[in-house]
Protein backbone atom coordinates (compact mmCIF):
# COMPACT_ATOMS: atom_id res chain seq x y z
CA MET A 1 -11.52 0.66 48.14
CA LEU A 2 -11.37 1.73 44.49
CA ARG A 3 -8.43 -0.51 43.59
CA PRO A 4 -10.55 -3.55 42.59
CA ALA A 5 -12.46 -1.32 40.19
CA ALA A 6 -9.14 -0.03 38.82
CA TRP A 7 -7.95 -3.62 38.26
CA LEU A 8 -11.16 -4.44 36.40
CA PHE A 9 -10.81 -1.26 34.32
CA GLY A 10 -7.21 -2.25 33.52
CA LEU A 11 -8.21 -5.77 32.45
CA LEU A 12 -10.92 -4.48 30.12
CA ALA A 13 -8.60 -1.86 28.61
CA ALA A 14 -5.82 -4.42 28.16
CA ALA A 15 -8.19 -6.88 26.47
CA ARG A 16 -9.24 -4.17 24.06
CA ARG A 17 -5.65 -3.24 23.21
CA ILE A 18 -4.70 -6.90 22.71
CA ALA A 19 -7.68 -7.41 20.40
CA TYR A 20 -6.39 -4.67 18.08
CA ALA A 21 -2.73 -5.66 18.41
CA ARG A 22 -3.44 -9.28 17.39
CA GLY A 23 -5.82 -8.37 14.60
CA TRP A 24 -8.97 -9.72 16.24
CA ARG A 25 -10.36 -6.23 15.76
CA SER A 26 -9.09 -4.15 12.87
CA ALA A 27 -8.01 -0.52 12.88
CA GLN A 28 -8.96 1.45 9.78
CA ARG A 29 -6.19 3.31 7.95
CA LEU A 30 -6.82 6.58 6.16
CA PRO A 31 -4.99 7.28 2.86
CA VAL A 32 -2.92 10.07 4.46
CA PRO A 33 -0.66 10.08 7.55
CA VAL A 34 -2.45 10.50 10.88
CA VAL A 35 -0.93 12.14 13.95
CA VAL A 36 -2.82 11.44 17.17
CA VAL A 37 -2.56 13.86 20.08
CA GLY A 38 -3.82 12.50 23.38
CA ASN A 39 -3.15 11.79 27.01
CA VAL A 40 -3.23 8.88 29.41
CA VAL A 41 -4.26 11.09 32.35
CA ALA A 42 -7.93 11.96 32.66
CA GLY A 43 -8.77 15.63 32.45
CA GLY A 44 -7.27 18.51 30.55
CA VAL A 45 -3.52 18.60 30.03
CA GLY A 46 -3.36 21.27 27.32
CA LYS A 47 -3.99 19.17 24.21
CA THR A 48 -5.83 21.90 22.30
CA PRO A 49 -2.89 24.35 22.30
CA VAL A 50 -0.69 21.45 21.19
CA VAL A 51 -3.01 20.65 18.28
CA ILE A 52 -3.07 24.31 17.25
CA ALA A 53 0.73 24.46 17.38
CA LEU A 54 1.00 21.28 15.26
CA VAL A 55 -1.47 22.58 12.66
CA ARG A 56 0.38 25.88 12.37
CA HIS A 57 3.69 24.05 12.01
CA ALA A 58 2.28 21.83 9.27
CA GLN A 59 0.93 24.90 7.48
CA THR A 60 4.34 26.56 7.71
CA MET A 61 5.90 23.43 6.20
CA GLY A 62 3.43 23.55 3.31
CA TRP A 63 1.47 20.43 4.31
CA PRO A 64 -2.31 20.80 3.75
CA VAL A 65 -3.66 19.66 7.12
CA GLY A 66 -7.04 18.90 8.68
CA VAL A 67 -8.24 18.03 12.18
CA VAL A 68 -10.68 15.41 13.45
CA SER A 69 -12.13 15.39 16.94
CA ARG A 70 -14.92 13.85 18.97
CA GLY A 71 -16.15 17.31 19.95
CA HIS A 72 -16.38 16.74 23.68
CA GLY A 73 -19.26 18.45 25.48
CA ARG A 74 -21.40 19.17 22.41
CA ARG A 75 -25.15 18.63 22.42
CA THR A 76 -25.23 16.93 18.99
CA ARG A 77 -24.37 13.31 18.25
CA ASP A 78 -24.04 13.31 14.47
CA ALA A 79 -20.98 14.29 12.42
CA GLN A 80 -20.45 18.02 12.10
CA VAL A 81 -18.22 20.10 9.84
CA VAL A 82 -16.91 22.98 11.93
CA ALA A 83 -17.40 26.41 10.40
CA LEU A 84 -16.06 29.73 11.65
CA ASP A 85 -19.57 30.68 12.79
CA SER A 86 -20.58 27.28 14.19
CA ASP A 87 -22.40 27.16 17.51
CA PRO A 88 -19.93 25.71 20.05
CA ARG A 89 -22.81 23.74 21.57
CA ASP A 90 -23.12 21.85 18.28
CA VAL A 91 -19.45 21.25 17.44
CA GLY A 92 -17.66 21.60 20.78
CA ASP A 93 -15.73 24.59 22.08
CA GLU A 94 -12.26 23.15 21.43
CA PRO A 95 -12.83 22.15 17.76
CA LEU A 96 -14.29 25.62 17.14
CA LEU A 97 -11.23 27.23 18.75
CA ILE A 98 -8.93 25.10 16.56
CA ARG A 99 -10.89 26.08 13.44
CA ARG A 100 -10.81 29.79 14.24
CA ALA A 101 -7.17 29.82 15.37
CA THR A 102 -5.77 27.97 12.35
CA GLY A 103 -8.29 28.17 9.52
CA ALA A 104 -7.74 24.43 8.94
CA PRO A 105 -10.75 22.21 8.17
CA VAL A 106 -12.15 20.45 11.24
CA VAL A 107 -14.71 17.62 11.39
CA VAL A 108 -16.17 16.27 14.64
CA ASP A 109 -17.54 12.76 15.01
CA ALA A 110 -17.39 10.12 17.73
CA ASP A 111 -16.14 7.84 14.94
CA ARG A 112 -12.78 9.44 14.10
CA VAL A 113 -12.37 7.21 11.03
CA ALA A 114 -15.66 8.50 9.62
CA ALA A 115 -14.60 12.04 10.48
CA GLY A 116 -11.33 11.58 8.60
CA ARG A 117 -13.06 10.18 5.53
CA ARG A 118 -15.55 13.03 5.47
CA LEU A 119 -12.77 15.59 5.83
CA LEU A 120 -10.85 14.04 2.93
CA ALA A 121 -13.99 13.94 0.79
CA LEU A 122 -14.54 17.65 1.40
CA HIS A 123 -10.84 18.56 1.14
CA PRO A 124 -9.18 16.00 -1.15
CA GLY A 125 -5.92 17.94 -1.16
CA THR A 126 -5.34 17.24 2.53
CA ARG A 127 -2.01 15.48 3.10
CA LEU A 128 -2.01 15.19 6.90
CA ILE A 129 -4.69 14.62 9.54
CA ILE A 130 -4.28 15.46 13.21
CA ALA A 131 -6.61 13.64 15.59
CA ASP A 132 -7.42 15.63 18.69
CA ASP A 133 -7.73 13.46 21.81
CA GLY A 134 -7.62 10.13 19.99
CA LEU A 135 -4.99 8.14 21.86
CA GLN A 136 -7.52 5.59 23.12
CA HIS A 137 -9.61 5.62 19.90
CA LEU A 138 -8.06 2.40 18.57
CA PRO A 139 -10.31 1.97 15.49
CA LEU A 140 -8.31 4.79 13.87
CA ALA A 141 -4.87 3.62 12.71
CA ARG A 142 -2.18 6.17 13.42
CA ASP A 143 1.33 6.88 12.17
CA VAL A 144 2.53 9.09 15.03
CA GLU A 145 1.33 9.14 18.65
CA ILE A 146 1.97 12.20 20.80
CA CYS A 147 1.21 11.82 24.51
CA VAL A 148 0.74 15.08 26.42
CA PHE A 149 1.33 15.54 30.16
CA ASP A 150 0.98 18.46 32.54
CA ASP A 151 2.60 18.90 35.94
CA ARG A 152 0.52 16.08 37.44
CA GLY A 153 2.61 13.54 35.56
CA ILE A 154 0.88 10.20 36.13
CA GLY A 155 -0.48 11.14 39.55
CA ASN A 156 -0.51 8.18 41.95
CA GLY A 157 0.11 5.78 39.06
CA TRP A 158 -3.25 4.01 39.44
CA LEU A 159 -5.84 3.49 36.73
CA LEU A 160 -9.31 4.99 36.94
CA PRO A 161 -11.14 5.25 39.30
CA ALA A 162 -8.40 4.73 41.93
CA GLY A 163 -6.13 7.13 40.08
CA PRO A 164 -6.05 9.42 37.05
CA LEU A 165 -4.77 7.02 34.38
CA ARG A 166 -6.87 5.92 31.39
CA GLU A 167 -4.28 3.25 30.62
CA PRO A 168 -1.02 2.05 32.20
CA TRP A 169 2.12 4.13 31.88
CA PRO A 170 4.71 3.69 30.47
CA ARG A 171 3.27 2.68 27.12
CA ARG A 172 4.66 2.75 23.60
CA CYS A 173 4.54 6.29 22.25
CA ASP A 174 6.41 8.22 19.55
CA LEU A 175 6.68 11.57 21.33
CA VAL A 176 6.09 12.74 24.89
CA LEU A 177 5.33 16.42 25.39
CA HIS A 178 5.09 18.25 28.72
CA THR A 179 2.95 21.40 28.89
CA GLY A 180 3.65 22.25 32.52
CA ASP A 181 6.50 23.96 34.32
CA ARG A 182 7.76 20.91 36.25
CA PRO A 183 7.92 17.79 34.04
CA ALA A 184 7.69 14.59 36.05
CA PHE A 185 9.87 12.61 33.65
CA GLU A 186 11.75 12.81 30.36
CA GLY A 187 10.12 14.33 27.30
CA PHE A 188 9.97 17.42 25.16
CA ARG A 189 8.86 20.76 26.58
CA GLY A 190 6.16 23.21 25.59
CA ARG A 191 5.59 26.58 27.22
CA ARG A 192 2.32 28.42 27.74
CA ALA A 193 2.08 32.19 28.04
CA LEU A 194 -0.67 34.76 27.68
CA ALA A 195 -0.67 36.97 24.61
CA SER A 196 0.16 40.63 25.18
CA ASP A 197 -3.31 41.73 24.01
CA ALA A 198 -6.86 40.76 24.91
CA LEU A 199 -9.38 40.59 22.05
CA ASP A 200 -12.96 41.75 21.82
CA ARG A 201 -15.62 39.95 19.77
CA THR A 202 -14.54 41.81 16.60
CA GLY A 203 -10.87 40.88 17.06
CA ARG A 204 -9.83 44.37 18.15
CA PRO A 205 -6.90 44.17 20.61
CA THR A 206 -6.57 45.78 24.03
CA PRO A 207 -3.08 45.61 25.59
CA LEU A 208 -2.93 43.77 28.91
CA ALA A 209 -0.69 46.57 30.14
CA GLN A 210 -3.61 48.94 29.64
CA LEU A 211 -5.99 46.64 31.53
CA ALA A 212 -3.53 46.50 34.44
CA ALA A 213 -4.59 50.01 35.41
CA ARG A 214 -8.22 48.95 35.96
CA ASP A 215 -9.77 47.71 39.19
CA ASP A 216 -13.04 46.33 37.77
CA LEU A 217 -11.65 43.15 36.22
CA VAL A 218 -13.44 39.84 36.73
CA ALA A 219 -11.98 36.67 35.23
CA VAL A 220 -14.10 33.66 34.26
CA ALA A 221 -12.90 30.31 32.94
CA GLY A 222 -14.71 27.09 32.09
CA ILE A 223 -11.60 24.98 31.46
CA ALA A 224 -9.95 21.98 33.08
CA GLN A 225 -7.60 24.04 35.25
CA PRO A 226 -9.08 27.55 35.61
CA GLN A 227 -6.71 28.54 38.40
CA ARG A 228 -3.81 28.48 35.95
CA PHE A 229 -5.55 31.07 33.80
CA PHE A 230 -6.23 33.28 36.82
CA ASP A 231 -2.63 32.97 38.00
CA MET A 232 -1.28 33.89 34.57
CA LEU A 233 -3.47 37.01 34.49
CA ARG A 234 -2.15 38.08 37.88
CA GLU A 235 1.41 37.39 36.78
CA ARG A 236 0.84 39.92 33.99
CA GLY A 237 -0.02 42.55 36.58
CA LEU A 238 -3.82 42.43 36.33
CA ARG A 239 -5.74 43.17 39.54
CA LEU A 240 -8.64 40.75 39.53
CA GLN A 241 -11.64 41.80 41.58
CA ARG A 242 -13.03 38.28 41.37
CA CYS A 243 -12.31 34.92 39.75
CA ILE A 244 -15.13 32.64 38.62
CA ALA A 245 -14.15 29.01 38.03
CA LEU A 246 -16.70 26.99 36.06
CA PRO A 247 -16.68 23.31 34.95
CA ASP A 248 -14.75 22.39 31.82
CA HIS A 249 -16.83 22.89 28.63
CA HIS A 250 -19.36 24.89 30.64
CA ASP A 251 -22.62 25.78 28.87
CA TYR A 252 -23.01 29.52 29.39
CA THR A 253 -26.61 29.71 28.15
CA ARG A 254 -27.94 29.43 31.70
CA TRP A 255 -25.20 31.49 33.32
CA THR A 256 -25.80 35.09 34.36
CA PRO A 257 -22.68 37.23 33.90
CA PRO A 258 -21.91 39.91 36.49
CA THR A 259 -22.66 43.48 35.45
CA GLY A 260 -20.70 46.69 35.88
CA VAL A 261 -17.35 44.93 35.46
CA GLN A 262 -14.94 44.09 32.68
CA LEU A 263 -15.07 40.35 32.07
CA LEU A 264 -11.94 38.50 30.97
CA CYS A 265 -12.13 34.94 29.64
CA THR A 266 -10.17 32.33 27.73
CA GLU A 267 -10.44 31.96 23.95
CA LYS A 268 -12.14 28.62 24.55
CA ASP A 269 -14.91 30.31 26.55
CA ALA A 270 -15.25 33.39 24.35
CA ALA A 271 -17.55 32.00 21.64
CA LYS A 272 -20.02 30.86 24.32
CA LEU A 273 -19.71 33.96 26.50
CA TRP A 274 -19.92 36.75 23.90
CA PRO A 275 -23.65 36.22 23.12
CA LEU A 276 -24.36 36.89 26.81
CA SER A 277 -21.67 39.47 27.46
CA PRO A 278 -20.63 41.22 24.21
CA SER A 279 -18.10 43.42 26.02
CA ALA A 280 -16.11 40.49 27.41
CA LEU A 281 -12.46 40.28 26.38
CA ALA A 282 -10.74 37.01 25.49
CA VAL A 283 -7.10 36.60 26.45
CA PRO A 284 -5.40 34.22 23.98
CA LEU A 285 -2.92 31.61 25.08
CA GLU A 286 0.35 31.37 23.16
CA PHE A 287 1.95 27.93 23.17
CA SER A 288 5.46 27.24 21.90
CA ILE A 289 7.20 23.88 21.56
CA GLU A 290 10.95 23.40 21.56
CA PRO A 291 12.46 23.00 18.05
CA ALA A 292 13.86 19.52 18.79
CA PHE A 293 10.30 18.20 19.05
CA PHE A 294 9.48 19.33 15.51
CA GLU A 295 12.76 17.93 14.19
CA VAL A 296 11.75 14.46 15.39
CA LEU A 297 8.17 14.86 14.18
CA ASP A 298 9.22 16.12 10.72
CA ALA A 299 11.67 13.26 10.31
CA ARG A 300 8.96 10.78 11.20
CA LEU A 301 6.44 12.29 8.79
CA SER A 302 8.97 12.55 5.98
CA SER A 303 9.65 8.85 6.27
CA LEU A 304 6.03 8.00 5.57
CA ASP A 305 4.82 7.45 2.02
CA GLY A 306 2.72 10.34 0.82
CA SER A 307 3.40 12.45 3.90
CA GLU A 308 4.99 15.33 2.09
CA ALA A 309 2.88 17.82 0.24
CA SER A 310 3.08 17.57 -3.50
């Protein structure tokens, strides 16, 4: 029954892509190379860990890098510069996580071109911009497109709402990266694993091996696939008394945390949860990408004028 709606969605999306491809609508180019990280499947596929890994790689290579994002789930509509102490409700939980994890400048704005220009005005030494979740944001011209998939692959292959796809696949793309354990088709691999320590609100670590001896652990996650977080905790030997799955980008201000237990959460949830539950521990996610991926990416960036740091 949803297929006619999917066909209409596909026609509208195709008309939009054709308008930009033929120059009827113009994409705006920033004066530095732009790498877009996105997905064609609706829902979370692990883009934020990918962005963090790319920023850290760029920093290791000596490229001054910044990040632009829409800031999904925030209560504000205007452009926001993300600070280390920003309220996640104003800037979005994922941009705040990127800012804290990398130290790189981050600007959120529905208009990613405007976000990029503001970032460059504030940080004129920036030589590379990474756009978080911008694959379908065609007004922003891009030099490299990275399409991220999890174990769902392309699902049933249908466009929204009959299936999970935002646009048809296959499509032209520079790099395909799989974040899951069972890639559905060819592409580079990334692996997710929990860090060996959980962190309190001051950054003090507690080994997961130490937490494994406790029986009062309750895990909470407001992410796209909370069950994966719960499973990873159990795989590390933690005995979870209870698991609380909340919607992605959940607003914790109206949530009442359980008492008399040790709460465990994701880094993404931590900034929103700590004001309500200061004793909660965040368990960071470590994401590694195979070296061959970076070899291709570095070669692509090095071929672009002005891509290398001076």
